[in-house]
């Protein structure tokens, strides 16, 4: 056995417990879960999160324009399909269920 392997075998794995933190943006409490703590430790992060997920997501999406959706009738079943692109008249449009069914059948 190498010395590194012996040292690794003697290192205890830390036990993490859920911890309640307060968001510095909105002041609401949020849970820093044991799984998140293990992830932070694995990545070498030293500091705990300072903001809740909702505030992090809001900050991340602040500069992005709101997504525009278009509606069209599904060629296969006639249901309303919500699309992120402007459909063209010369191509068929499928709702999510019909699109997935067609994709599985290929």
PDB file of N, CA and C in Angstrom:
ATOM      1  N   UNK A   1       0.832  -1.184   0.000  1.00  0.00           N
ATOM      2  CA  UNK A   1       0.000   0.000   0.000  1.00  0.00           C
ATOM      3  C   UNK A   1       0.875   1.244   0.000  1.00  0.00           C
ATOM      4  N   UNK A   2       0.407   2.248  -0.714  1.00  0.00           N
ATOM      5  CA  UNK A   2       1.126   3.516  -0.745  1.00  0.00           C
ATOM      6  C   UNK A   2       0.686   4.376   0.430  1.00  0.00           C
ATOM      7  N   UNK A   3       1.530   5.350   0.799  1.00  0.00           N
ATOM      8  CA  UNK A   3       1.208   6.224   1.930  1.00  0.00           C
ATOM      9  C   UNK A   3      -0.079   7.004   1.686  1.00  0.00           C
ATOM     10  N   UNK A   4      -0.295   7.470   0.429  1.00  0.00           N
ATOM     11  CA  UNK A   4      -1.506   8.228   0.111  1.00  0.00           C
ATOM     12  C   UNK A   4      -2.757   7.380   0.357  1.00  0.00           C
ATOM     13  N   UNK A   5      -2.694   6.103   0.005  1.00  0.00           N
ATOM     14  CA  UNK A   5      -3.845   5.223   0.197  1.00  0.00           C
ATOM     15  C   UNK A   5      -4.111   4.997   1.676  1.00  0.00           C
ATOM     16  N   UNK A   6      -3.063   4.877   2.469  1.00  0.00           N
ATOM     17  CA  UNK A   6      -3.221   4.683   3.906  1.00  0.00           C
ATOM     18  C   UNK A   6      -3.846   5.936   4.517  1.00  0.00           C
ATOM     19  N   UNK A   7      -3.369   7.108   4.103  1.00  0.00           N
ATOM     20  CA  UNK A   7      -3.915   8.357   4.632  1.00  0.00           C
ATOM     21  C   UNK A   7      -5.372   8.517   4.236  1.00  0.00           C
ATOM     22  N   UNK A   8      -5.723   8.163   2.976  1.00  0.00           N
ATOM     23  CA  UNK A   8      -7.098   8.278   2.519  1.00  0.00           C
ATOM     24  C   UNK A   8      -8.014   7.335   3.295  1.00  0.00           C
ATOM     25  N   UNK A   9      -7.519   6.170   3.654  1.00  0.00           N
ATOM     26  CA  UNK A   9      -8.324   5.200   4.378  1.00  0.00           C
ATOM     27  C   UNK A   9      -8.627   5.673   5.796  1.00  0.00           C
ATOM     28  N   UNK A  10      -7.770   6.517   6.357  1.00  0.00           N
ATOM     29  CA  UNK A  10      -7.953   6.995   7.722  1.00  0.00           C
ATOM     30  C   UNK A  10      -8.774   8.275   7.812  1.00  0.00           C
ATOM     31  N   UNK A  11      -9.094   8.899   6.678  1.00  0.00           N
ATOM     32  CA  UNK A  11      -9.854  10.144   6.684  1.00  0.00           C
ATOM     33  C   UNK A  11     -11.336   9.833   6.863  1.00  0.00           C
ATOM     34  N   UNK A  12     -11.950  10.484   7.839  1.00  0.00           N
ATOM     35  CA  UNK A  12     -13.375  10.279   8.070  1.00  0.00           C
ATOM     36  C   UNK A  12     -14.179  11.104   7.085  1.00  0.00           C
ATOM     37  N   UNK A  13     -15.273  10.532   6.606  1.00  0.00           N
ATOM     38  CA  UNK A  13     -16.174  11.255   5.734  1.00  0.00           C
ATOM     39  C   UNK A  13     -17.064  12.134   6.602  1.00  0.00           C
ATOM     40  N   UNK A  14     -17.119  13.434   6.317  1.00  0.00           N
ATOM     41  CA  UNK A  14     -17.945  14.310   7.148  1.00  0.00           C
ATOM     42  C   UNK A  14     -19.428  13.973   7.009  1.00  0.00           C
ATOM     43  N   UNK A  15     -20.154  14.171   8.089  1.00  0.00           N
ATOM     44  CA  UNK A  15     -21.597  13.957   8.087  1.00  0.00           C
ATOM     45  C   UNK A  15     -22.246  15.332   8.023  1.00  0.00           C
ATOM     46  N   UNK A  16     -23.095  15.519   7.036  1.00  0.00           N
ATOM     47  CA  UNK A  16     -23.758  16.804   6.847  1.00  0.00           C
ATOM     48  C   UNK A  16     -25.205  16.703   7.319  1.00  0.00           C
ATOM     49  N   UNK A  17     -25.711  17.814   7.851  1.00  0.00           N
ATOM     50  CA  UNK A  17     -27.107  17.910   8.252  1.00  0.00           C
ATOM     51  C   UNK A  17     -27.694  19.154   7.599  1.00  0.00           C
ATOM     52  N   UNK A  18     -28.980  19.089   7.257  1.00  0.00           N
ATOM     53  CA  UNK A  18     -29.649  20.250   6.689  1.00  0.00           C
ATOM     54  C   UNK A  18     -29.474  21.450   7.608  1.00  0.00           C
ATOM     55  N   UNK A  19     -29.262  22.600   7.009  1.00  0.00           N
ATOM     56  CA  UNK A  19     -29.039  23.824   7.769  1.00  0.00           C
ATOM     57  C   UNK A  19     -29.944  24.920   7.206  1.00  0.00           C
ATOM     58  N   UNK A  20     -30.603  25.656   8.080  1.00  0.00           N
ATOM     59  CA  UNK A  20     -31.462  26.751   7.652  1.00  0.00           C
ATOM     60  C   UNK A  20     -30.649  28.037   7.609  1.00  0.00           C
ATOM     61  N   UNK A  21     -30.679  28.708   6.449  1.00  0.00           N
ATOM     62  CA  UNK A  21     -29.961  29.962   6.248  1.00  0.00           C
ATOM     63  C   UNK A  21     -30.969  31.059   5.907  1.00  0.00           C
ATOM     64  N   UNK A  22     -30.548  32.299   6.000  1.00  0.00           N
ATOM     65  CA  UNK A  22     -31.401  33.438   5.667  1.00  0.00           C
ATOM     66  C   UNK A  22     -30.838  34.113   4.406  1.00  0.00           C
ATOM     67  N   UNK A  23     -31.699  34.315   3.426  1.00  0.00           N
ATOM     68  CA  UNK A  23     -31.318  34.934   2.161  1.00  0.00           C
ATOM     69  C   UNK A  23     -30.984  36.411   2.380  1.00  0.00           C
ATOM     70  N   UNK A  24     -29.837  36.841   1.849  1.00  0.00           N
ATOM     71  CA  UNK A  24     -29.439  38.237   2.019  1.00  0.00           C
ATOM     72  C   UNK A  24     -30.231  39.172   1.113  1.00  0.00           C
ATOM     73  N   UNK A  25     -30.894  38.630   0.077  1.00  0.00           N
ATOM     74  CA  UNK A  25     -31.677  39.450  -0.852  1.00  0.00           C
ATOM     75  C   UNK A  25     -33.098  39.688  -0.346  1.00  0.00           C
ATOM     76  N   UNK A  26     -33.813  38.598  -0.050  1.00  0.00           N
ATOM     77  CA  UNK A  26     -35.230  38.724   0.301  1.00  0.00           C
ATOM     78  C   UNK A  26     -35.500  38.545   1.792  1.00  0.00           C
ATOM     79  N   UNK A  27     -34.521  38.033   2.541  1.00  0.00           N
ATOM     80  CA  UNK A  27     -34.697  37.851   3.980  1.00  0.00           C
ATOM     81  C   UNK A  27     -35.444  36.601   4.383  1.00  0.00           C
ATOM     82  N   UNK A  28     -35.854  35.796   3.406  1.00  0.00           N
ATOM     83  CA  UNK A  28     -36.552  34.542   3.708  1.00  0.00           C
ATOM     84  C   UNK A  28     -35.568  33.451   4.092  1.00  0.00           C
ATOM     85  N   UNK A  29     -36.040  32.528   4.891  1.00  0.00           N
ATOM     86  CA  UNK A  29     -35.212  31.376   5.250  1.00  0.00           C
ATOM     87  C   UNK A  29     -35.244  30.357   4.120  1.00  0.00           C
ATOM     88  N   UNK A  30     -34.126  29.656   3.938  1.00  0.00           N
ATOM     89  CA  UNK A  30     -34.057  28.548   2.983  1.00  0.00           C
ATOM     90  C   UNK A  30     -33.151  27.478   3.564  1.00  0.00           C
ATOM     91  N   UNK A  31     -33.327  26.252   3.092  1.00  0.00           N
ATOM     92  CA  UNK A  31     -32.581  25.110   3.621  1.00  0.00           C
ATOM     93  C   UNK A  31     -31.375  24.824   2.733  1.00  0.00           C
ATOM     94  N   UNK A  32     -30.218  24.767   3.354  1.00  0.00           N
ATOM     95  CA  UNK A  32     -28.973  24.337   2.707  1.00  0.00           C
ATOM     96  C   UNK A  32     -28.865  22.857   3.040  1.00  0.00           C
ATOM     97  N   UNK A  33     -29.300  22.001   2.116  1.00  0.00           N
ATOM     98  CA  UNK A  33     -29.440  20.573   2.405  1.00  0.00           C
ATOM     99  C   UNK A  33     -28.095  19.872   2.578  1.00  0.00           C
ATOM    100  N   UNK A  34     -28.149  18.712   3.186  1.00  0.00           N
ATOM    101  CA  UNK A  34     -26.944  17.903   3.382  1.00  0.00           C
ATOM    102  C   UNK A  34     -26.324  17.547   2.030  1.00  0.00           C
ATOM    103  N   UNK A  35     -27.167  17.248   1.055  1.00  0.00           N
ATOM    104  CA  UNK A  35     -26.668  16.928  -0.282  1.00  0.00           C
ATOM    105  C   UNK A  35     -25.962  18.099  -0.935  1.00  0.00           C
ATOM    106  N   UNK A  36     -26.537  19.298  -0.759  1.00  0.00           N
ATOM    107  CA  UNK A  36     -25.895  20.493  -1.307  1.00  0.00           C
ATOM    108  C   UNK A  36     -24.564  20.748  -0.611  1.00  0.00           C
ATOM    109  N   UNK A  37     -24.511  20.517   0.697  1.00  0.00           N
ATOM    110  CA  UNK A  37     -23.273  20.717   1.445  1.00  0.00           C
ATOM    111  C   UNK A  37     -22.191  19.753   0.962  1.00  0.00           C
ATOM    112  N   UNK A  38     -22.571  18.504   0.713  1.00  0.00           N
ATOM    113  CA  UNK A  38     -21.616  17.520   0.211  1.00  0.00           C
ATOM    114  C   UNK A  38     -21.110  17.939  -1.175  1.00  0.00           C
ATOM    115  N   UNK A  39     -22.019  18.433  -2.009  1.00  0.00           N
ATOM    116  CA  UNK A  39     -21.641  18.908  -3.341  1.00  0.00           C
ATOM    117  C   UNK A  39     -20.650  20.067  -3.239  1.00  0.00           C
ATOM    118  N   UNK A  40     -20.948  21.044  -2.362  1.00  0.00           N
ATOM    119  CA  UNK A  40     -20.056  22.184  -2.165  1.00  0.00           C
ATOM    120  C   UNK A  40     -18.668  21.707  -1.731  1.00  0.00           C
ATOM    121  N   UNK A  41     -18.626  20.765  -0.790  1.00  0.00           N
ATOM    122  CA  UNK A  41     -17.350  20.249  -0.289  1.00  0.00           C
ATOM    123  C   UNK A  41     -16.583  19.538  -1.407  1.00  0.00           C
ATOM    124  N   UNK A  42     -17.307  18.750  -2.216  1.00  0.00           N
ATOM    125  CA  UNK A  42     -16.683  18.013  -3.315  1.00  0.00           C
ATOM    126  C   UNK A  42     -16.061  18.972  -4.326  1.00  0.00           C
ATOM    127  N   UNK A  43     -16.723  20.098  -4.579  1.00  0.00           N
ATOM    128  CA  UNK A  43     -16.232  21.085  -5.540  1.00  0.00           C
ATOM    129  C   UNK A  43     -15.194  22.025  -4.937  1.00  0.00           C
ATOM    130  N   UNK A  44     -15.008  21.944  -3.620  1.00  0.00           N
ATOM    131  CA  UNK A  44     -14.016  22.784  -2.965  1.00  0.00           C
ATOM    132  C   UNK A  44     -14.523  24.172  -2.609  1.00  0.00           C
ATOM    133  N   UNK A  45     -15.839  24.373  -2.637  1.00  0.00           N
ATOM    134  CA  UNK A  45     -16.403  25.673  -2.272  1.00  0.00           C
ATOM    135  C   UNK A  45     -16.262  25.864  -0.772  1.00  0.00           C
ATOM    136  N   UNK A  46     -15.802  27.030  -0.367  1.00  0.00           N
ATOM    137  CA  UNK A  46     -15.559  27.307   1.040  1.00  0.00           C
ATOM    138  C   UNK A  46     -16.740  27.999   1.725  1.00  0.00           C
ATOM    139  N   UNK A  47     -17.503  28.786   0.973  1.00  0.00           N
ATOM    140  CA  UNK A  47     -18.570  29.591   1.557  1.00  0.00           C
ATOM    141  C   UNK A  47     -19.949  28.979   1.335  1.00  0.00           C
ATOM    142  N   UNK A  48     -20.832  29.215   2.275  1.00  0.00           N
ATOM    143  CA  UNK A  48     -22.219  28.773   2.154  1.00  0.00           C
ATOM    144  C   UNK A  48     -22.945  29.732   1.211  1.00  0.00           C
ATOM    145  N   UNK A  49     -24.045  29.268   0.584  1.00  0.00           N
ATOM    146  CA  UNK A  49     -24.789  30.187  -0.277  1.00  0.00           C
ATOM    147  C   UNK A  49     -25.395  31.328   0.540  1.00  0.00           C
ATOM    148  N   UNK A  50     -25.451  32.505  -0.049  1.00  0.00           N
ATOM    149  CA  UNK A  50     -25.979  33.673   0.654  1.00  0.00           C
ATOM    150  C   UNK A  50     -27.398  34.022   0.217  1.00  0.00           C
ATOM    151  N   UNK A  51     -27.817  33.455  -0.925  1.00  0.00           N
ATOM    152  CA  UNK A  51     -29.156  33.747  -1.427  1.00  0.00           C
ATOM    153  C   UNK A  51     -29.931  32.456  -1.683  1.00  0.00           C
ATOM    154  N   UNK A  52     -31.256  32.555  -1.621  1.00  0.00           N
ATOM    155  CA  UNK A  52     -32.117  31.395  -1.870  1.00  0.00           C
ATOM    156  C   UNK A  52     -32.170  31.108  -3.374  1.00  0.00           C
ATOM    157  N   UNK A  53     -32.697  29.957  -3.733  1.00  0.00           N
ATOM    158  CA  UNK A  53     -32.754  29.556  -5.137  1.00  0.00           C
ATOM    159  C   UNK A  53     -33.585  30.528  -5.966  1.00  0.00           C
ATOM    160  N   UNK A  54     -34.694  31.007  -5.423  1.00  0.00           N
ATOM    161  CA  UNK A  54     -35.549  31.942  -6.165  1.00  0.00           C
ATOM    162  C   UNK A  54     -34.790  33.223  -6.500  1.00  0.00           C
ATOM    163  N   UNK A  55     -34.038  33.754  -5.547  1.00  0.00           N
ATOM    164  CA  UNK A  55     -33.262  34.976  -5.794  1.00  0.00           C
ATOM    165  C   UNK A  55     -32.109  34.712  -6.757  1.00  0.00           C
ATOM    166  N   UNK A  56     -31.463  33.550  -6.657  1.00  0.00           N
ATOM    167  CA  UNK A  56     -30.381  33.208  -7.596  1.00  0.00           C
ATOM    168  C   UNK A  56     -30.929  33.100  -9.015  1.00  0.00           C
ATOM    169  N   UNK A  57     -32.084  32.435  -9.156  1.00  0.00           N
ATOM    170  CA  UNK A  57     -32.696  32.292 -10.483  1.00  0.00           C
ATOM    171  C   UNK A  57     -33.113  33.644 -11.048  1.00  0.00           C
ATOM    172  N   UNK A  58     -33.686  34.504 -10.195  1.00  0.00           N
ATOM    173  CA  UNK A  58     -34.110  35.828 -10.648  1.00  0.00           C
ATOM    174  C   UNK A  58     -32.910  36.633 -11.138  1.00  0.00           C
ATOM    175  N   UNK A  59     -31.804  36.567 -10.416  1.00  0.00           N
ATOM    176  CA  UNK A  59     -30.595  37.300 -10.810  1.00  0.00           C
ATOM    177  C   UNK A  59     -30.024  36.737 -12.111  1.00  0.00           C
ATOM    178  N   UNK A  60     -30.043  35.418 -12.231  1.00  0.00           N
ATOM    179  CA  UNK A  60     -29.508  34.760 -13.424  1.00  0.00           C
ATOM    180  C   UNK A  60     -30.318  35.134 -14.672  1.00  0.00           C
ATOM    181  N   UNK A  61     -31.630  35.256 -14.514  1.00  0.00           N
ATOM    182  CA  UNK A  61     -32.502  35.519 -15.663  1.00  0.00           C
ATOM    183  C   UNK A  61     -32.822  37.000 -15.849  1.00  0.00           C
ATOM    184  N   UNK A  62     -32.230  37.872 -15.055  1.00  0.00           N
ATOM    185  CA  UNK A  62     -32.567  39.298 -15.084  1.00  0.00           C
ATOM    186  C   UNK A  62     -32.317  39.940 -16.446  1.00  0.00           C
ATOM    187  N   UNK A  63     -31.248  39.579 -17.116  1.00  0.00           N
ATOM    188  CA  UNK A  63     -30.920  40.214 -18.388  1.00  0.00           C
ATOM    189  C   UNK A  63     -31.553  39.558 -19.595  1.00  0.00           C
ATOM    190  N   UNK A  64     -32.193  38.439 -19.393  1.00  0.00           N
ATOM    191  CA  UNK A  64     -32.776  37.705 -20.516  1.00  0.00           C
ATOM    192  C   UNK A  64     -34.177  38.219 -20.823  1.00  0.00           C
ATOM    193  N   UNK A  65     -34.490  38.372 -22.097  1.00  0.00           N
ATOM    194  CA  UNK A  65     -35.856  38.779 -22.445  1.00  0.00           C
ATOM    195  C   UNK A  65     -36.826  37.624 -22.153  1.00  0.00           C
ATOM    196  N   UNK A  66     -38.066  37.985 -21.849  1.00  0.00           N
ATOM    197  CA  UNK A  66     -39.064  36.947 -21.585  1.00  0.00           C
ATOM    198  C   UNK A  66     -39.311  36.178 -22.871  1.00  0.00           C
ATOM    199  N   UNK A  67     -39.407  34.876 -22.755  1.00  0.00           N
ATOM    200  CA  UNK A  67     -39.567  34.018 -23.924  1.00  0.00           C
ATOM    201  C   UNK A  67     -40.963  34.201 -24.526  1.00  0.00           C
ATOM    202  N   UNK A  68     -41.000  34.303 -25.840  1.00  0.00           N
ATOM    203  CA  UNK A  68     -42.259  34.455 -26.555  1.00  0.00           C
ATOM    204  C   UNK A  68     -42.726  33.091 -27.035  1.00  0.00           C
ATOM    205  N   UNK A  69     -44.011  32.815 -26.837  1.00  0.00           N
ATOM    206  CA  UNK A  69     -44.585  31.545 -27.267  1.00  0.00           C
ATOM    207  C   UNK A  69     -45.615  31.792 -28.364  1.00  0.00           C
ATOM    208  N   UNK A  70     -45.729  30.818 -29.256  1.00  0.00           N
ATOM    209  CA  UNK A  70     -46.701  30.851 -30.338  1.00  0.00           C
ATOM    210  C   UNK A  70     -47.602  29.640 -30.190  1.00  0.00           C
ATOM    211  N   UNK A  71     -48.851  29.782 -30.601  1.00  0.00           N
ATOM    212  CA  UNK A  71     -49.787  28.665 -30.541  1.00  0.00           C
ATOM    213  C   UNK A  71     -50.104  28.209 -31.954  1.00  0.00           C
ATOM    214  N   UNK A  72     -50.247  26.895 -32.102  1.00  0.00           N
ATOM    215  CA  UNK A  72     -50.609  26.303 -33.383  1.00  0.00           C
ATOM    216  C   UNK A  72     -51.427  25.045 -33.107  1.00  0.00           C
ATOM    217  N   UNK A  73     -52.134  24.576 -34.096  1.00  0.00           N
ATOM    218  CA  UNK A  73     -52.925  23.357 -33.960  1.00  0.00           C
ATOM    219  C   UNK A  73     -52.086  22.164 -34.383  1.00  0.00           C
ATOM    220  N   UNK A  74     -52.067  21.143 -33.527  1.00  0.00           N
ATOM    221  CA  UNK A  74     -51.302  19.919 -33.812  1.00  0.00           C
ATOM    222  C   UNK A  74     -51.834  19.267 -35.079  1.00  0.00           C
ATOM    223  N   UNK A  75     -50.948  18.944 -35.988  1.00  0.00           N
ATOM    224  CA  UNK A  75     -51.309  18.305 -37.243  1.00  0.00           C
ATOM    225  C   UNK A  75     -51.881  16.915 -37.015  1.00  0.00           C
ATOM    226  N   UNK A  76     -51.411  16.234 -35.978  1.00  0.00           N
ATOM    227  CA  UNK A  76     -51.803  14.856 -35.721  1.00  0.00           C
ATOM    228  C   UNK A  76     -53.123  14.736 -34.963  1.00  0.00           C
ATOM    229  N   UNK A  77     -53.262  15.427 -33.822  1.00  0.00           N
ATOM    230  CA  UNK A  77     -54.433  15.218 -32.964  1.00  0.00           C
ATOM    231  C   UNK A  77     -55.359  16.429 -32.859  1.00  0.00           C
ATOM    232  N   UNK A  78     -54.934  17.578 -33.350  1.00  0.00           N
ATOM    233  CA  UNK A  78     -55.777  18.766 -33.317  1.00  0.00           C
ATOM    234  C   UNK A  78     -55.697  19.569 -32.023  1.00  0.00           C
ATOM    235  N   UNK A  79     -54.870  19.162 -31.075  1.00  0.00           N
ATOM    236  CA  UNK A  79     -54.712  19.905 -29.820  1.00  0.00           C
ATOM    237  C   UNK A  79     -53.904  21.173 -30.060  1.00  0.00           C
ATOM    238  N   UNK A  80     -53.994  22.099 -29.126  1.00  0.00           N
ATOM    239  CA  UNK A  80     -53.212  23.328 -29.207  1.00  0.00           C
ATOM    240  C   UNK A  80     -51.781  23.025 -28.764  1.00  0.00           C
ATOM    241  N   UNK A  81     -50.822  23.421 -29.587  1.00  0.00           N
ATOM    242  CA  UNK A  81     -49.406  23.222 -29.287  1.00  0.00           C
ATOM    243  C   UNK A  81     -48.785  24.579 -29.014  1.00  0.00           C
ATOM    244  N   UNK A  82     -48.032  24.694 -27.911  1.00  0.00           N
ATOM    245  CA  UNK A  82     -47.300  25.927 -27.600  1.00  0.00           C
ATOM    246  C   UNK A  82     -45.878  25.757 -28.099  1.00  0.00           C
ATOM    247  N   UNK A  83     -45.441  26.708 -28.909  1.00  0.00           N
ATOM    248  CA  UNK A  83     -44.136  26.616 -29.558  1.00  0.00           C
ATOM    249  C   UNK A  83     -43.269  27.816 -29.195  1.00  0.00           C
ATOM    250  N   UNK A  84     -41.964  27.630 -29.221  1.00  0.00           N
ATOM    251  CA  UNK A  84     -41.023  28.725 -28.969  1.00  0.00           C
ATOM    252  C   UNK A  84     -40.550  29.350 -30.275  1.00  0.00           C
ATOM    253  N   UNK A  85     -41.142  28.947 -31.386  1.00  0.00           N
ATOM    254  CA  UNK A  85     -40.778  29.494 -32.692  1.00  0.00           C
ATOM    255  C   UNK A  85     -42.048  29.770 -33.489  1.00  0.00           C
ATOM    256  N   UNK A  86     -41.950  30.642 -34.450  1.00  0.00           N
ATOM    257  CA  UNK A  86     -43.086  30.963 -35.320  1.00  0.00           C
ATOM    258  C   UNK A  86     -43.236  29.832 -36.335  1.00  0.00           C
ATOM    259  N   UNK A  87     -44.358  29.091 -36.286  1.00  0.00           N
ATOM    260  CA  UNK A  87     -44.513  27.975 -37.225  1.00  0.00           C
ATOM    261  C   UNK A  87     -44.742  28.493 -38.645  1.00  0.00           C
ATOM    262  N   UNK A  88     -44.262  27.723 -39.602  1.00  0.00           N
ATOM    263  CA  UNK A  88     -44.496  28.085 -41.005  1.00  0.00           C
ATOM    264  C   UNK A  88     -45.629  27.215 -41.539  1.00  0.00           C
ATOM    265  N   UNK A  89     -46.352  27.735 -42.493  1.00  0.00           N
ATOM    266  CA  UNK A  89     -47.546  27.055 -43.019  1.00  0.00           C
ATOM    267  C   UNK A  89     -47.196  25.787 -43.800  1.00  0.00           C
ATOM    268  N   UNK A  90     -45.978  25.689 -44.311  1.00  0.00           N
ATOM    269  CA  UNK A  90     -45.621  24.549 -45.163  1.00  0.00           C
ATOM    270  C   UNK A  90     -45.053  23.349 -44.387  1.00  0.00           C
ATOM    271  N   UNK A  91     -44.956  23.455 -43.048  1.00  0.00           N
ATOM    272  CA  UNK A  91     -44.402  22.361 -42.241  1.00  0.00           C
ATOM    273  C   UNK A  91     -45.428  21.915 -41.204  1.00  0.00           C
ATOM    274  N   UNK A  92     -45.481  20.607 -40.911  1.00  0.00           N
ATOM    275  CA  UNK A  92     -46.424  20.134 -39.883  1.00  0.00           C
ATOM    276  C   UNK A  92     -45.977  20.565 -38.485  1.00  0.00           C
ATOM    277  N   UNK A  93     -46.943  20.746 -37.592  1.00  0.00           N
ATOM    278  CA  UNK A  93     -46.687  21.122 -36.200  1.00  0.00           C
ATOM    279  C   UNK A  93     -47.313  20.053 -35.323  1.00  0.00           C
ATOM    280  N   UNK A  94     -46.582  19.632 -34.271  1.00  0.00           N
ATOM    281  CA  UNK A  94     -47.072  18.596 -33.366  1.00  0.00           C
ATOM    282  C   UNK A  94     -47.061  19.099 -31.931  1.00  0.00           C
ATOM    283  N   UNK A  95     -48.047  18.657 -31.145  1.00  0.00           N
ATOM    284  CA  UNK A  95     -48.044  18.958 -29.716  1.00  0.00           C
ATOM    285  C   UNK A  95     -46.943  18.112 -29.067  1.00  0.00           C
ATOM    286  N   UNK A  96     -46.668  18.354 -27.817  1.00  0.00           N
ATOM    287  CA  UNK A  96     -45.571  17.647 -27.135  1.00  0.00           C
ATOM    288  C   UNK A  96     -45.777  16.134 -27.146  1.00  0.00           C
ATOM    289  N   UNK A  97     -47.002  15.687 -26.873  1.00  0.00           N
ATOM    290  CA  UNK A  97     -47.281  14.247 -26.813  1.00  0.00           C
ATOM    291  C   UNK A  97     -47.072  13.586 -28.173  1.00  0.00           C
ATOM    292  N   UNK A  98     -47.595  14.202 -29.228  1.00  0.00           N
ATOM    293  CA  UNK A  98     -47.443  13.624 -30.570  1.00  0.00           C
ATOM    294  C   UNK A  98     -45.983  13.685 -31.036  1.00  0.00           C
ATOM    295  N   UNK A  99     -45.292  14.754 -30.701  1.00  0.00           N
ATOM    296  CA  UNK A  99     -43.886  14.878 -31.067  1.00  0.00           C
ATOM    297  C   UNK A  99     -43.075  13.756 -30.422  1.00  0.00           C
ATOM    298  N   UNK A 100     -43.303  13.509 -29.117  1.00  0.00           N
ATOM    299  CA  UNK A 100     -42.592  12.435 -28.422  1.00  0.00           C
ATOM    300  C   UNK A 100     -42.921  11.073 -29.005  1.00  0.00           C
ATOM    301  N   UNK A 101     -44.190  10.848 -29.343  1.00  0.00           N
ATOM    302  CA  UNK A 101     -44.612   9.565 -29.919  1.00  0.00           C
ATOM    303  C   UNK A 101     -43.910   9.351 -31.267  1.00  0.00           C
ATOM    304  N   UNK A 102     -43.850  10.383 -32.077  1.00  0.00           N
ATOM    305  CA  UNK A 102     -43.173  10.276 -33.380  1.00  0.00           C
ATOM    306  C   UNK A 102     -41.680  10.031 -33.191  1.00  0.00           C
ATOM    307  N   UNK A 103     -41.089  10.667 -32.216  1.00  0.00           N
ATOM    308  CA  UNK A 103     -39.663  10.495 -31.967  1.00  0.00           C
ATOM    309  C   UNK A 103     -39.352   9.074 -31.499  1.00  0.00           C
ATOM    310  N   UNK A 104     -40.213   8.516 -30.635  1.00  0.00           N
ATOM    311  CA  UNK A 104     -40.019   7.132 -30.154  1.00  0.00           C
ATOM    312  C   UNK A 104     -40.158   6.118 -31.270  1.00  0.00           C
ATOM    313  N   UNK A 105     -41.054   6.395 -32.222  1.00  0.00           N
ATOM    314  CA  UNK A 105     -41.328   5.454 -33.307  1.00  0.00           C
ATOM    315  C   UNK A 105     -40.216   5.392 -34.342  1.00  0.00           C
ATOM    316  N   UNK A 106     -39.346   6.355 -34.342  1.00  0.00           N
ATOM    317  CA  UNK A 106     -38.265   6.374 -35.356  1.00  0.00           C
ATOM    318  C   UNK A 106     -37.225   5.363 -35.100  1.00  0.00           C
TER     319      UNK A 106
END
